[in-house]
Amino acid sequence: MTRTLLTLGFVGAAMLVSGPTLAQGQGNKERGRIMVYTCAGCHGVTGYENAYPRYHVPRIAGQNYEYIVSALNEYKKGTRSHPTMQAQAESFSQQDIMDIASYLSSIKVGPGPKADTSAQVSKP
């Protein structure tokens, strides 16, 4: 009996701790598809590099749902620094972020750095 109660306690605690990840799939993929239109200017160009500061712009199509939600929330709060991304994220509601993450994480991309995702993150 004690072992069963301990197991249930651990399972319950794990569910509380992992609560934010349970939100996956609650975004509207179709709405997210429409919203990523502005993302395509940088993230939809294969091999694109930012001019200043110079760095490779990451591809976001097929990225992990939780990662996208976390990154956008960090940009929104200002704890992750990039002026353009902060400006974009500040305008998003939590539902917007979940919609964007649901759509982007649903895209299937091929392996390797040469996978072309421009067709997936493009004008609706």
PDB file of N, CA and C in Angstrom:
ATOM      1  N   MET A   1       0.822  -1.199   0.000  1.00  0.00           N
ATOM      2  CA  MET A   1       0.000   0.000   0.000  1.00  0.00           C
ATOM      3  C   MET A   1       0.860   1.254   0.000  1.00  0.00           C
ATOM      4  N   THR A   2       1.899   1.267   0.847  1.00  0.00           N
ATOM      5  CA  THR A   2       2.792   2.426   0.907  1.00  0.00           C
ATOM      6  C   THR A   2       3.491   2.633  -0.422  1.00  0.00           C
ATOM      7  N   ARG A   3       3.917   1.537  -1.039  1.00  0.00           N
ATOM      8  CA  ARG A   3       4.596   1.634  -2.336  1.00  0.00           C
ATOM      9  C   ARG A   3       3.658   2.226  -3.388  1.00  0.00           C
ATOM     10  N   THR A   4       2.390   1.815  -3.395  1.00  0.00           N
ATOM     11  CA  THR A   4       1.409   2.342  -4.335  1.00  0.00           C
ATOM     12  C   THR A   4       1.200   3.828  -4.121  1.00  0.00           C
ATOM     13  N   LEU A   5       1.078   4.263  -2.874  1.00  0.00           N
ATOM     14  CA  LEU A   5       0.891   5.683  -2.582  1.00  0.00           C
ATOM     15  C   LEU A   5       2.107   6.504  -3.001  1.00  0.00           C
ATOM     16  N   LEU A   6       3.297   5.973  -2.748  1.00  0.00           N
ATOM     17  CA  LEU A   6       4.513   6.667  -3.172  1.00  0.00           C
ATOM     18  C   LEU A   6       4.572   6.794  -4.690  1.00  0.00           C
ATOM     19  N   THR A   7       4.235   5.730  -5.383  1.00  0.00           N
ATOM     20  CA  THR A   7       4.238   5.753  -6.848  1.00  0.00           C
ATOM     21  C   THR A   7       3.253   6.783  -7.370  1.00  0.00           C
ATOM     22  N   LEU A   8       2.049   6.793  -6.819  1.00  0.00           N
ATOM     23  CA  LEU A   8       1.043   7.773  -7.224  1.00  0.00           C
ATOM     24  C   LEU A   8       1.510   9.192  -6.918  1.00  0.00           C
ATOM     25  N   GLY A   9       2.170   9.368  -5.788  1.00  0.00           N
ATOM     26  CA  GLY A   9       2.698  10.683  -5.429  1.00  0.00           C
ATOM     27  C   GLY A   9       3.740  11.164  -6.423  1.00  0.00           C
ATOM     28  N   PHE A  10       4.644  10.258  -6.824  1.00  0.00           N
ATOM     29  CA  PHE A  10       5.669  10.629  -7.801  1.00  0.00           C
ATOM     30  C   PHE A  10       5.058  10.944  -9.163  1.00  0.00           C
ATOM     31  N   VAL A  11       4.086  10.142  -9.569  1.00  0.00           N
ATOM     32  CA  VAL A  11       3.416  10.375 -10.854  1.00  0.00           C
ATOM     33  C   VAL A  11       2.690  11.719 -10.824  1.00  0.00           C
ATOM     34  N   GLY A  12       2.002  11.993  -9.737  1.00  0.00           N
ATOM     35  CA  GLY A  12       1.295  13.273  -9.604  1.00  0.00           C
ATOM     36  C   GLY A  12       2.251  14.452  -9.631  1.00  0.00           C
ATOM     37  N   ALA A  13       3.363  14.334  -8.925  1.00  0.00           N
ATOM     38  CA  ALA A  13       4.365  15.403  -8.914  1.00  0.00           C
ATOM     39  C   ALA A  13       4.955  15.610 -10.302  1.00  0.00           C
ATOM     40  N   ALA A  14       5.209  14.514 -10.998  1.00  0.00           N
ATOM     41  CA  ALA A  14       5.758  14.620 -12.356  1.00  0.00           C
ATOM     42  C   ALA A  14       4.780  15.314 -13.290  1.00  0.00           C
ATOM     43  N   MET A  15       3.503  15.053 -13.107  1.00  0.00           N
ATOM     44  CA  MET A  15       2.495  15.710 -13.947  1.00  0.00           C
ATOM     45  C   MET A  15       2.438  17.205 -13.661  1.00  0.00           C
ATOM     46  N   LEU A  16       2.577  17.591 -12.413  1.00  0.00           N
ATOM     47  CA  LEU A  16       2.580  19.014 -12.069  1.00  0.00           C
ATOM     48  C   LEU A  16       3.797  19.714 -12.642  1.00  0.00           C
ATOM     49  N   VAL A  17       4.949  19.094 -12.541  1.00  0.00           N
ATOM     50  CA  VAL A  17       6.175  19.685 -13.048  1.00  0.00           C
ATOM     51  C   VAL A  17       6.146  19.790 -14.563  1.00  0.00           C
ATOM     52  N   SER A  18       5.588  18.795 -15.237  1.00  0.00           N
ATOM     53  CA  SER A  18       5.576  18.800 -16.695  1.00  0.00           C
ATOM     54  C   SER A  18       4.338  19.473 -17.262  1.00  0.00           C
ATOM     55  N   GLY A  19       3.578  20.178 -16.457  1.00  0.00           N
ATOM     56  CA  GLY A  19       2.358  20.837 -16.897  1.00  0.00           C
ATOM     57  C   GLY A  19       2.482  21.648 -18.174  1.00  0.00           C
ATOM     58  N   PRO A  20       3.486  22.533 -18.295  1.00  0.00           N
ATOM     59  CA  PRO A  20       3.590  23.330 -19.501  1.00  0.00           C
ATOM     60  C   PRO A  20       3.758  22.503 -20.774  1.00  0.00           C
ATOM     61  N   THR A  21       4.372  21.351 -20.685  1.00  0.00           N
ATOM     62  CA  THR A  21       4.548  20.543 -21.887  1.00  0.00           C
ATOM     63  C   THR A  21       3.248  19.877 -22.300  1.00  0.00           C
ATOM     64  N   LEU A  22       2.283  19.803 -21.404  1.00  0.00           N
ATOM     65  CA  LEU A  22       1.000  19.219 -21.750  1.00  0.00           C
ATOM     66  C   LEU A  22       0.208  20.117 -22.686  1.00  0.00           C
ATOM     67  N   ALA A  23       0.621  21.380 -22.806  1.00  0.00           N
ATOM     68  CA  ALA A  23      -0.073  22.312 -23.682  1.00  0.00           C
ATOM     69  C   ALA A  23       0.165  22.003 -25.158  1.00  0.00           C
ATOM     70  N   GLN A  24       1.152  21.155 -25.464  1.00  0.00           N
ATOM     71  CA  GLN A  24       1.437  20.829 -26.853  1.00  0.00           C
ATOM     72  C   GLN A  24       0.186  20.317 -27.531  1.00  0.00           C
ATOM     73  N   GLY A  25      -0.011  20.763 -28.733  1.00  0.00           N
ATOM     74  CA  GLY A  25      -1.161  20.327 -29.484  1.00  0.00           C
ATOM     75  C   GLY A  25      -2.394  21.173 -29.231  1.00  0.00           C
ATOM     76  N   GLN A  26      -2.326  22.111 -28.275  1.00  0.00           N
ATOM     77  CA  GLN A  26      -3.480  22.958 -28.003  1.00  0.00           C
ATOM     78  C   GLN A  26      -3.502  24.187 -28.894  1.00  0.00           C
ATOM     79  N   GLY A  27      -2.445  24.356 -29.673  1.00  0.00           N
ATOM     80  CA  GLY A  27      -2.418  25.462 -30.611  1.00  0.00           C
ATOM     81  C   GLY A  27      -3.192  25.089 -31.872  1.00  0.00           C
ATOM     82  N   ASN A  28      -3.608  26.098 -32.598  1.00  0.00           N
ATOM     83  CA  ASN A  28      -4.333  25.916 -33.839  1.00  0.00           C
ATOM     84  C   ASN A  28      -3.318  25.958 -34.982  1.00  0.00           C
ATOM     85  N   LYS A  29      -3.037  24.807 -35.582  1.00  0.00           N
ATOM     86  CA  LYS A  29      -2.019  24.726 -36.626  1.00  0.00           C
ATOM     87  C   LYS A  29      -2.340  25.615 -37.820  1.00  0.00           C
ATOM     88  N   GLU A  30      -3.594  25.671 -38.219  1.00  0.00           N
ATOM     89  CA  GLU A  30      -3.966  26.484 -39.384  1.00  0.00           C
ATOM     90  C   GLU A  30      -3.746  27.969 -39.103  1.00  0.00           C
ATOM     91  N   ARG A  31      -4.118  28.410 -37.928  1.00  0.00           N
ATOM     92  CA  ARG A  31      -3.877  29.805 -37.553  1.00  0.00           C
ATOM     93  C   ARG A  31      -2.376  30.064 -37.472  1.00  0.00           C
ATOM     94  N   GLY A  32      -1.636  29.101 -36.928  1.00  0.00           N
ATOM     95  CA  GLY A  32      -0.188  29.221 -36.853  1.00  0.00           C
ATOM     96  C   GLY A  32       0.445  29.320 -38.229  1.00  0.00           C
ATOM     97  N   ARG A  33      -0.079  28.550 -39.182  1.00  0.00           N
ATOM     98  CA  ARG A  33       0.438  28.587 -40.558  1.00  0.00           C
ATOM     99  C   ARG A  33       0.315  29.987 -41.144  1.00  0.00           C
ATOM    100  N   ILE A  34      -0.779  30.639 -40.852  1.00  0.00           N
ATOM    101  CA  ILE A  34      -0.996  31.999 -41.347  1.00  0.00           C
ATOM    102  C   ILE A  34      -0.070  32.987 -40.631  1.00  0.00           C
ATOM    103  N   MET A  35       0.113  32.788 -39.339  1.00  0.00           N
ATOM    104  CA  MET A  35       0.916  33.722 -38.547  1.00  0.00           C
ATOM    105  C   MET A  35       2.400  33.676 -38.877  1.00  0.00           C
ATOM    106  N   VAL A  36       2.924  32.538 -39.347  1.00  0.00           N
ATOM    107  CA  VAL A  36       4.362  32.442 -39.617  1.00  0.00           C
ATOM    108  C   VAL A  36       4.770  33.143 -40.908  1.00  0.00           C
ATOM    109  N   TYR A  37       3.841  33.796 -41.564  1.00  0.00           N
ATOM    110  CA  TYR A  37       4.149  34.528 -42.791  1.00  0.00           C
ATOM    111  C   TYR A  37       5.323  35.484 -42.581  1.00  0.00           C
ATOM    112  N   THR A  38       5.324  36.227 -41.487  1.00  0.00           N
ATOM    113  CA  THR A  38       6.409  37.179 -41.236  1.00  0.00           C
ATOM    114  C   THR A  38       7.718  36.476 -40.893  1.00  0.00           C
ATOM    115  N   CYS A  39       7.663  35.248 -40.413  1.00  0.00           N
ATOM    116  CA  CYS A  39       8.873  34.488 -40.064  1.00  0.00           C
ATOM    117  C   CYS A  39       9.645  34.079 -41.310  1.00  0.00           C
ATOM    118  N   ALA A  40       8.922  33.919 -42.421  1.00  0.00           N
ATOM    119  CA  ALA A  40       9.522  33.400 -43.645  1.00  0.00           C
ATOM    120  C   ALA A  40      10.611  34.309 -44.209  1.00  0.00           C
ATOM    121  N   GLY A  41      10.526  35.603 -43.941  1.00  0.00           N
ATOM    122  CA  GLY A  41      11.511  36.534 -44.477  1.00  0.00           C
ATOM    123  C   GLY A  41      12.936  36.204 -44.069  1.00  0.00           C
ATOM    124  N   CYS A  42      13.108  35.614 -42.909  1.00  0.00           N
ATOM    125  CA  CYS A  42      14.448  35.224 -42.437  1.00  0.00           C
ATOM    126  C   CYS A  42      14.573  33.712 -42.295  1.00  0.00           C
ATOM    127  N   HIS A  43      13.624  33.107 -41.592  1.00  0.00           N
ATOM    128  CA  HIS A  43      13.722  31.687 -41.275  1.00  0.00           C
ATOM    129  C   HIS A  43      13.332  30.780 -42.436  1.00  0.00           C
ATOM    130  N   GLY A  44      12.703  31.331 -43.461  1.00  0.00           N
ATOM    131  CA  GLY A  44      12.282  30.517 -44.592  1.00  0.00           C
ATOM    132  C   GLY A  44      13.270  30.511 -45.744  1.00  0.00           C
ATOM    133  N   VAL A  45      14.407  31.173 -45.561  1.00  0.00           N
ATOM    134  CA  VAL A  45      15.416  31.245 -46.623  1.00  0.00           C
ATOM    135  C   VAL A  45      16.564  30.306 -46.263  1.00  0.00           C
ATOM    136  N   THR A  46      16.747  29.265 -47.047  1.00  0.00           N
ATOM    137  CA  THR A  46      17.792  28.279 -46.776  1.00  0.00           C
ATOM    138  C   THR A  46      19.165  28.940 -46.814  1.00  0.00           C
ATOM    139  N   GLY A  47      19.942  28.754 -45.748  1.00  0.00           N
ATOM    140  CA  GLY A  47      21.297  29.279 -45.681  1.00  0.00           C
ATOM    141  C   GLY A  47      21.394  30.773 -45.396  1.00  0.00           C
ATOM    142  N   TYR A  48      20.302  31.414 -45.009  1.00  0.00           N
ATOM    143  CA  TYR A  48      20.301  32.863 -44.772  1.00  0.00           C
ATOM    144  C   TYR A  48      21.169  33.233 -43.575  1.00  0.00           C
ATOM    145  N   GLU A  49      21.898  34.342 -43.699  1.00  0.00           N
ATOM    146  CA  GLU A  49      22.706  34.874 -42.598  1.00  0.00           C
ATOM    147  C   GLU A  49      22.265  36.297 -42.325  1.00  0.00           C
ATOM    148  N   ASN A  50      22.161  36.621 -41.050  1.00  0.00           N
ATOM    149  CA  ASN A  50      21.825  37.966 -40.620  1.00  0.00           C
ATOM    150  C   ASN A  50      22.993  38.892 -40.941  1.00  0.00           C
ATOM    151  N   ALA A  51      22.712  40.136 -41.317  1.00  0.00           N
ATOM    152  CA  ALA A  51      23.774  41.065 -41.684  1.00  0.00           C
ATOM    153  C   ALA A  51      24.547  41.579 -40.465  1.00  0.00           C
ATOM    154  N   TYR A  52      23.820  41.980 -39.412  1.00  0.00           N
ATOM    155  CA  TYR A  52      24.516  42.491 -38.221  1.00  0.00           C
ATOM    156  C   TYR A  52      23.682  42.206 -36.985  1.00  0.00           C
ATOM    157  N   PRO A  53      24.188  41.606 -35.969  1.00  0.00           N
ATOM    158  CA  PRO A  53      25.476  40.916 -35.995  1.00  0.00           C
ATOM    159  C   PRO A  53      25.374  39.709 -36.909  1.00  0.00           C
ATOM    160  N   ARG A  54      26.484  39.335 -37.502  1.00  0.00           N
ATOM    161  CA  ARG A  54      26.463  38.282 -38.509  1.00  0.00           C
ATOM    162  C   ARG A  54      26.373  36.905 -37.849  1.00  0.00           C
ATOM    163  N   TYR A  55      25.366  36.168 -38.205  1.00  0.00           N
ATOM    164  CA  TYR A  55      25.194  34.795 -37.750  1.00  0.00           C
ATOM    165  C   TYR A  55      24.213  34.088 -38.659  1.00  0.00           C
ATOM    166  N   HIS A  56      24.254  32.790 -38.658  1.00  0.00           N
ATOM    167  CA  HIS A  56      23.339  31.965 -39.443  1.00  0.00           C
ATOM    168  C   HIS A  56      21.961  31.998 -38.793  1.00  0.00           C
ATOM    169  N   VAL A  57      20.949  32.303 -39.565  1.00  0.00           N
ATOM    170  CA  VAL A  57      19.576  32.306 -39.056  1.00  0.00           C
ATOM    171  C   VAL A  57      19.096  30.859 -39.004  1.00  0.00           C
ATOM    172  N   PRO A  58      18.674  30.391 -37.839  1.00  0.00           N
ATOM    173  CA  PRO A  58      18.276  28.979 -37.723  1.00  0.00           C
ATOM    174  C   PRO A  58      16.980  28.671 -38.461  1.00  0.00           C
ATOM    175  N   ARG A  59      16.875  27.439 -38.915  1.00  0.00           N
ATOM    176  CA  ARG A  59      15.599  27.040 -39.509  1.00  0.00           C
ATOM    177  C   ARG A  59      14.689  26.629 -38.359  1.00  0.00           C
ATOM    178  N   ILE A  60      13.455  26.996 -38.464  1.00  0.00           N
ATOM    179  CA  ILE A  60      12.519  26.730 -37.374  1.00  0.00           C
ATOM    180  C   ILE A  60      11.456  25.706 -37.752  1.00  0.00           C
ATOM    181  N   ALA A  61      11.322  25.424 -39.033  1.00  0.00           N
ATOM    182  CA  ALA A  61      10.362  24.412 -39.461  1.00  0.00           C
ATOM    183  C   ALA A  61      10.792  23.062 -38.915  1.00  0.00           C
ATOM    184  N   GLY A  62       9.876  22.368 -38.260  1.00  0.00           N
ATOM    185  CA  GLY A  62      10.171  21.065 -37.697  1.00  0.00           C
ATOM    186  C   GLY A  62      10.814  21.112 -36.324  1.00  0.00           C
ATOM    187  N   GLN A  63      11.001  22.319 -35.795  1.00  0.00           N
ATOM    188  CA  GLN A  63      11.618  22.464 -34.476  1.00  0.00           C
ATOM    189  C   GLN A  63      10.664  21.935 -33.393  1.00  0.00           C
ATOM    190  N   ASN A  64      11.194  21.567 -32.256  1.00  0.00           N
ATOM    191  CA  ASN A  64      10.436  21.037 -31.127  1.00  0.00           C
ATOM    192  C   ASN A  64       9.431  22.061 -30.590  1.00  0.00           C
ATOM    193  N   TYR A  65       8.199  21.614 -30.336  1.00  0.00           N
ATOM    194  CA  TYR A  65       7.129  22.481 -29.847  1.00  0.00           C
ATOM    195  C   TYR A  65       7.544  23.257 -28.590  1.00  0.00           C
ATOM    196  N   GLU A  66       8.024  22.537 -27.580  1.00  0.00           N
ATOM    197  CA  GLU A  66       8.381  23.178 -26.314  1.00  0.00           C
ATOM    198  C   GLU A  66       9.495  24.198 -26.495  1.00  0.00           C
ATOM    199  N   TYR A  67      10.441  23.893 -27.380  1.00  0.00           N
ATOM    200  CA  TYR A  67      11.533  24.823 -27.639  1.00  0.00           C
ATOM    201  C   TYR A  67      11.007  26.123 -28.237  1.00  0.00           C
ATOM    202  N   ILE A  68      10.112  26.031 -29.212  1.00  0.00           N
ATOM    203  CA  ILE A  68       9.561  27.226 -29.850  1.00  0.00           C
ATOM    204  C   ILE A  68       8.789  28.059 -28.836  1.00  0.00           C
ATOM    205  N   VAL A  69       7.953  27.406 -28.028  1.00  0.00           N
ATOM    206  CA  VAL A  69       7.182  28.121 -27.006  1.00  0.00           C
ATOM    207  C   VAL A  69       8.131  28.816 -26.041  1.00  0.00           C
ATOM    208  N   SER A  70       9.133  28.097 -25.578  1.00  0.00           N
ATOM    209  CA  SER A  70      10.095  28.655 -24.630  1.00  0.00           C
ATOM    210  C   SER A  70      10.848  29.839 -25.234  1.00  0.00           C
ATOM    211  N   ALA A  71      11.359  29.675 -26.451  1.00  0.00           N
ATOM    212  CA  ALA A  71      12.131  30.736 -27.094  1.00  0.00           C
ATOM    213  C   ALA A  71      11.280  31.990 -27.294  1.00  0.00           C
ATOM    214  N   LEU A  72      10.056  31.826 -27.801  1.00  0.00           N
ATOM    215  CA  LEU A  72       9.208  32.995 -28.031  1.00  0.00           C
ATOM    216  C   LEU A  72       8.835  33.692 -26.725  1.00  0.00           C
ATOM    217  N   ASN A  73       8.591  32.915 -25.679  1.00  0.00           N
ATOM    218  CA  ASN A  73       8.295  33.526 -24.378  1.00  0.00           C
ATOM    219  C   ASN A  73       9.512  34.274 -23.833  1.00  0.00           C
ATOM    220  N   GLU A  74      10.705  33.724 -24.036  1.00  0.00           N
ATOM    221  CA  GLU A  74      11.920  34.406 -23.579  1.00  0.00           C
ATOM    222  C   GLU A  74      12.151  35.697 -24.356  1.00  0.00           C
ATOM    223  N   TYR A  75      11.919  35.689 -25.663  1.00  0.00           N
ATOM    224  CA  TYR A  75      12.017  36.922 -26.445  1.00  0.00           C
ATOM    225  C   TYR A  75      10.984  37.935 -25.960  1.00  0.00           C
ATOM    226  N   LYS A  76       9.776  37.458 -25.709  1.00  0.00           N
ATOM    227  CA  LYS A  76       8.689  38.337 -25.261  1.00  0.00           C
ATOM    228  C   LYS A  76       9.028  39.013 -23.936  1.00  0.00           C
ATOM    229  N   LYS A  77       9.630  38.258 -23.005  1.00  0.00           N
ATOM    230  CA  LYS A  77      10.003  38.800 -21.687  1.00  0.00           C
ATOM    231  C   LYS A  77      11.293  39.610 -21.741  1.00  0.00           C
ATOM    232  N   GLY A  78      12.044  39.487 -22.824  1.00  0.00           N
ATOM    233  CA  GLY A  78      13.312  40.186 -22.937  1.00  0.00           C
ATOM    234  C   GLY A  78      14.481  39.451 -22.316  1.00  0.00           C
ATOM    235  N   THR A  79      14.275  38.205 -21.897  1.00  0.00           N
ATOM    236  CA  THR A  79      15.365  37.433 -21.306  1.00  0.00           C
ATOM    237  C   THR A  79      16.219  36.752 -22.378  1.00  0.00           C
ATOM    238  N   ARG A  80      15.758  36.795 -23.604  1.00  0.00           N
ATOM    239  CA  ARG A  80      16.535  36.316 -24.745  1.00  0.00           C
ATOM    240  C   ARG A  80      16.658  37.501 -25.690  1.00  0.00           C
ATOM    241  N   SER A  81      17.872  37.838 -26.066  1.00  0.00           N
ATOM    242  CA  SER A  81      18.117  39.093 -26.749  1.00  0.00           C
ATOM    243  C   SER A  81      18.247  38.969 -28.260  1.00  0.00           C
ATOM    244  N   HIS A  82      17.364  39.627 -28.965  1.00  0.00           N
ATOM    245  CA  HIS A  82      17.456  39.863 -30.409  1.00  0.00           C
ATOM    246  C   HIS A  82      16.370  40.880 -30.722  1.00  0.00           C
ATOM    247  N   PRO A  83      16.749  42.099 -31.139  1.00  0.00           N
ATOM    248  CA  PRO A  83      15.764  43.172 -31.317  1.00  0.00           C
ATOM    249  C   PRO A  83      14.580  42.814 -32.209  1.00  0.00           C
ATOM    250  N   THR A  84      14.830  42.184 -33.340  1.00  0.00           N
ATOM    251  CA  THR A  84      13.740  41.841 -34.248  1.00  0.00           C
ATOM    252  C   THR A  84      12.818  40.794 -33.631  1.00  0.00           C
ATOM    253  N   MET A  85      13.416  39.758 -33.037  1.00  0.00           N
ATOM    254  CA  MET A  85      12.611  38.708 -32.430  1.00  0.00           C
ATOM    255  C   MET A  85      11.842  39.230 -31.221  1.00  0.00           C
ATOM    256  N   GLN A  86      12.454  40.112 -30.441  1.00  0.00           N
ATOM    257  CA  GLN A  86      11.750  40.694 -29.295  1.00  0.00           C
ATOM    258  C   GLN A  86      10.548  41.505 -29.771  1.00  0.00           C
ATOM    259  N   ALA A  87      10.737  42.301 -30.814  1.00  0.00           N
ATOM    260  CA  ALA A  87       9.633  43.110 -31.349  1.00  0.00           C
ATOM    261  C   ALA A  87       8.493  42.225 -31.839  1.00  0.00           C
ATOM    262  N   GLN A  88       8.835  41.136 -32.510  1.00  0.00           N
ATOM    263  CA  GLN A  88       7.795  40.217 -32.986  1.00  0.00           C
ATOM    264  C   GLN A  88       7.074  39.563 -31.814  1.00  0.00           C
ATOM    265  N   ALA A  89       7.839  38.997 -30.892  1.00  0.00           N
ATOM    266  CA  ALA A  89       7.262  38.220 -29.794  1.00  0.00           C
ATOM    267  C   ALA A  89       6.436  39.071 -28.836  1.00  0.00           C
ATOM    268  N   GLU A  90       6.806  40.334 -28.657  1.00  0.00           N
ATOM    269  CA  GLU A  90       6.051  41.202 -27.742  1.00  0.00           C
ATOM    270  C   GLU A  90       4.596  41.361 -28.165  1.00  0.00           C
ATOM    271  N   SER A  91       4.346  41.208 -29.464  1.00  0.00           N
ATOM    272  CA  SER A  91       2.976  41.370 -29.956  1.00  0.00           C
ATOM    273  C   SER A  91       2.148  40.090 -29.869  1.00  0.00           C
ATOM    274  N   PHE A  92       2.777  38.965 -29.515  1.00  0.00           N
ATOM    275  CA  PHE A  92       2.078  37.682 -29.481  1.00  0.00           C
ATOM    276  C   PHE A  92       1.395  37.442 -28.145  1.00  0.00           C
ATOM    277  N   SER A  93       0.176  36.912 -28.218  1.00  0.00           N
ATOM    278  CA  SER A  93      -0.485  36.398 -27.020  1.00  0.00           C
ATOM    279  C   SER A  93       0.060  34.992 -26.776  1.00  0.00           C
ATOM    280  N   GLN A  94      -0.263  34.412 -25.623  1.00  0.00           N
ATOM    281  CA  GLN A  94       0.171  33.032 -25.358  1.00  0.00           C
ATOM    282  C   GLN A  94      -0.463  32.081 -26.357  1.00  0.00           C
ATOM    283  N   GLN A  95      -1.705  32.358 -26.771  1.00  0.00           N
ATOM    284  CA  GLN A  95      -2.363  31.515 -27.772  1.00  0.00           C
ATOM    285  C   GLN A  95      -1.646  31.621 -29.116  1.00  0.00           C
ATOM    286  N   ASP A  96      -1.226  32.840 -29.490  1.00  0.00           N
ATOM    287  CA  ASP A  96      -0.461  33.017 -30.726  1.00  0.00           C
ATOM    288  C   ASP A  96       0.790  32.147 -30.705  1.00  0.00           C
ATOM    289  N   ILE A  97       1.503  32.180 -29.580  1.00  0.00           N
ATOM    290  CA  ILE A  97       2.735  31.406 -29.442  1.00  0.00           C
ATOM    291  C   ILE A  97       2.455  29.908 -29.581  1.00  0.00           C
ATOM    292  N   MET A  98       1.384  29.434 -28.951  1.00  0.00           N
ATOM    293  CA  MET A  98       1.030  28.012 -29.053  1.00  0.00           C
ATOM    294  C   MET A  98       0.625  27.653 -30.483  1.00  0.00           C
ATOM    295  N   ASP A  99      -0.085  28.556 -31.168  1.00  0.00           N
ATOM    296  CA  ASP A  99      -0.487  28.305 -32.556  1.00  0.00           C
ATOM    297  C   ASP A  99       0.740  28.203 -33.461  1.00  0.00           C
ATOM    298  N   ILE A 100       1.659  29.150 -33.315  1.00  0.00           N
ATOM    299  CA  ILE A 100       2.881  29.157 -34.116  1.00  0.00           C
ATOM    300  C   ILE A 100       3.687  27.895 -33.846  1.00  0.00           C
ATOM    301  N   ALA A 101       3.854  27.562 -32.581  1.00  0.00           N
ATOM    302  CA  ALA A 101       4.626  26.370 -32.207  1.00  0.00           C
ATOM    303  C   ALA A 101       3.964  25.094 -32.720  1.00  0.00           C
ATOM    304  N   SER A 102       2.645  25.026 -32.663  1.00  0.00           N
ATOM    305  CA  SER A 102       1.929  23.844 -33.159  1.00  0.00           C
ATOM    306  C   SER A 102       2.169  23.661 -34.648  1.00  0.00           C
ATOM    307  N   TYR A 103       2.086  24.752 -35.395  1.00  0.00           N
ATOM    308  CA  TYR A 103       2.296  24.630 -36.837  1.00  0.00           C
ATOM    309  C   TYR A 103       3.748  24.273 -37.167  1.00  0.00           C
ATOM    310  N   LEU A 104       4.685  25.047 -36.643  1.00  0.00           N
ATOM    311  CA  LEU A 104       6.092  24.826 -36.982  1.00  0.00           C
ATOM    312  C   LEU A 104       6.574  23.439 -36.567  1.00  0.00           C
ATOM    313  N   SER A 105       6.144  22.980 -35.406  1.00  0.00           N
ATOM    314  CA  SER A 105       6.588  21.660 -34.944  1.00  0.00           C
ATOM    315  C   SER A 105       5.939  20.526 -35.729  1.00  0.00           C
ATOM    316  N   SER A 106       4.866  20.807 -36.440  1.00  0.00           N
ATOM    317  CA  SER A 106       4.184  19.767 -37.216  1.00  0.00           C
ATOM    318  C   SER A 106       4.820  19.542 -38.588  1.00  0.00           C
ATOM    319  N   ILE A 107       5.708  20.433 -39.004  1.00  0.00           N
ATOM    320  CA  ILE A 107       6.329  20.329 -40.325  1.00  0.00           C
ATOM    321  C   ILE A 107       7.389  19.239 -40.311  1.00  0.00           C
ATOM    322  N   LYS A 108       7.314  18.367 -41.268  1.00  0.00           N
ATOM    323  CA  LYS A 108       8.301  17.288 -41.400  1.00  0.00           C
ATOM    324  C   LYS A 108       9.400  17.775 -42.332  1.00  0.00           C
ATOM    325  N   VAL A 109      10.644  17.723 -41.855  1.00  0.00           N
ATOM    326  CA  VAL A 109      11.786  18.131 -42.676  1.00  0.00           C
ATOM    327  C   VAL A 109      12.771  16.978 -42.779  1.00  0.00           C
ATOM    328  N   GLY A 110      13.526  16.990 -43.843  1.00  0.00           N
ATOM    329  CA  GLY A 110      14.539  15.958 -44.042  1.00  0.00           C
ATOM    330  C   GLY A 110      15.744  16.212 -43.164  1.00  0.00           C
ATOM    331  N   PRO A 111      16.588  15.216 -43.010  1.00  0.00           N
ATOM    332  CA  PRO A 111      17.781  15.366 -42.178  1.00  0.00           C
ATOM    333  C   PRO A 111      18.829  16.238 -42.856  1.00  0.00           C
ATOM    334  N   GLY A 112      19.711  16.789 -42.050  1.00  0.00           N
ATOM    335  CA  GLY A 112      20.859  17.516 -42.567  1.00  0.00           C
ATOM    336  C   GLY A 112      20.598  18.987 -42.777  1.00  0.00           C
ATOM    337  N   PRO A 113      21.660  19.758 -42.910  1.00  0.00           N
ATOM    338  CA  PRO A 113      21.553  21.204 -43.030  1.00  0.00           C
ATOM    339  C   PRO A 113      21.037  21.685 -44.375  1.00  0.00           C
ATOM    340  N   LYS A 114      20.958  20.810 -45.383  1.00  0.00           N
ATOM    341  CA  LYS A 114      20.536  21.249 -46.700  1.00  0.00           C
ATOM    342  C   LYS A 114      19.043  21.056 -46.945  1.00  0.00           C
ATOM    343  N   ALA A 115      18.307  20.601 -45.933  1.00  0.00           N
ATOM    344  CA  ALA A 115      16.870  20.413 -46.096  1.00  0.00           C
ATOM    345  C   ALA A 115      16.227  21.768 -46.374  1.00  0.00           C
ATOM    346  N   ASP A 116      15.471  21.878 -47.447  1.00  0.00           N
ATOM    347  CA  ASP A 116      14.859  23.129 -47.840  1.00  0.00           C
ATOM    348  C   ASP A 116      13.487  23.251 -47.181  1.00  0.00           C
ATOM    349  N   THR A 117      13.356  24.189 -46.273  1.00  0.00           N
ATOM    350  CA  THR A 117      12.100  24.383 -45.564  1.00  0.00           C
ATOM    351  C   THR A 117      11.357  25.608 -46.070  1.00  0.00           C
ATOM    352  N   SER A 118      11.850  26.263 -47.102  1.00  0.00           N
ATOM    353  CA  SER A 118      11.231  27.499 -47.575  1.00  0.00           C
ATOM    354  C   SER A 118       9.798  27.269 -48.039  1.00  0.00           C
ATOM    355  N   ALA A 119       9.492  26.099 -48.524  1.00  0.00           N
ATOM    356  CA  ALA A 119       8.134  25.813 -48.962  1.00  0.00           C
ATOM    357  C   ALA A 119       7.179  25.693 -47.782  1.00  0.00           C
ATOM    358  N   GLN A 120       7.685  25.255 -46.630  1.00  0.00           N
ATOM    359  CA  GLN A 120       6.827  25.072 -45.478  1.00  0.00           C
ATOM    360  C   GLN A 120       6.582  26.380 -44.724  1.00  0.00           C
ATOM    361  N   VAL A 121       7.569  27.253 -44.671  1.00  0.00           N
ATOM    362  CA  VAL A 121       7.425  28.523 -43.969  1.00  0.00           C
ATOM    363  C   VAL A 121       7.383  29.594 -45.048  1.00  0.00           C
ATOM    364  N   SER A 122       6.194  29.785 -45.596  1.00  0.00           N
ATOM    365  CA  SER A 122       6.054  30.725 -46.685  1.00  0.00           C
ATOM    366  C   SER A 122       4.690  31.396 -46.621  1.00  0.00           C
ATOM    367  N   LYS A 123       4.455  32.313 -47.532  1.00  0.00           N
ATOM    368  CA  LYS A 123       3.193  33.037 -47.574  1.00  0.00           C
ATOM    369  C   LYS A 123       2.048  32.053 -47.748  1.00  0.00           C
ATOM    370  N   PRO A 124       0.980  32.203 -46.930  1.00  0.00           N
ATOM    371  CA  PRO A 124      -0.166  31.296 -47.038  1.00  0.00           C
ATOM    372  C   PRO A 124      -0.910  31.449 -48.340  1.00  0.00           C
TER     373      PRO A 124
END
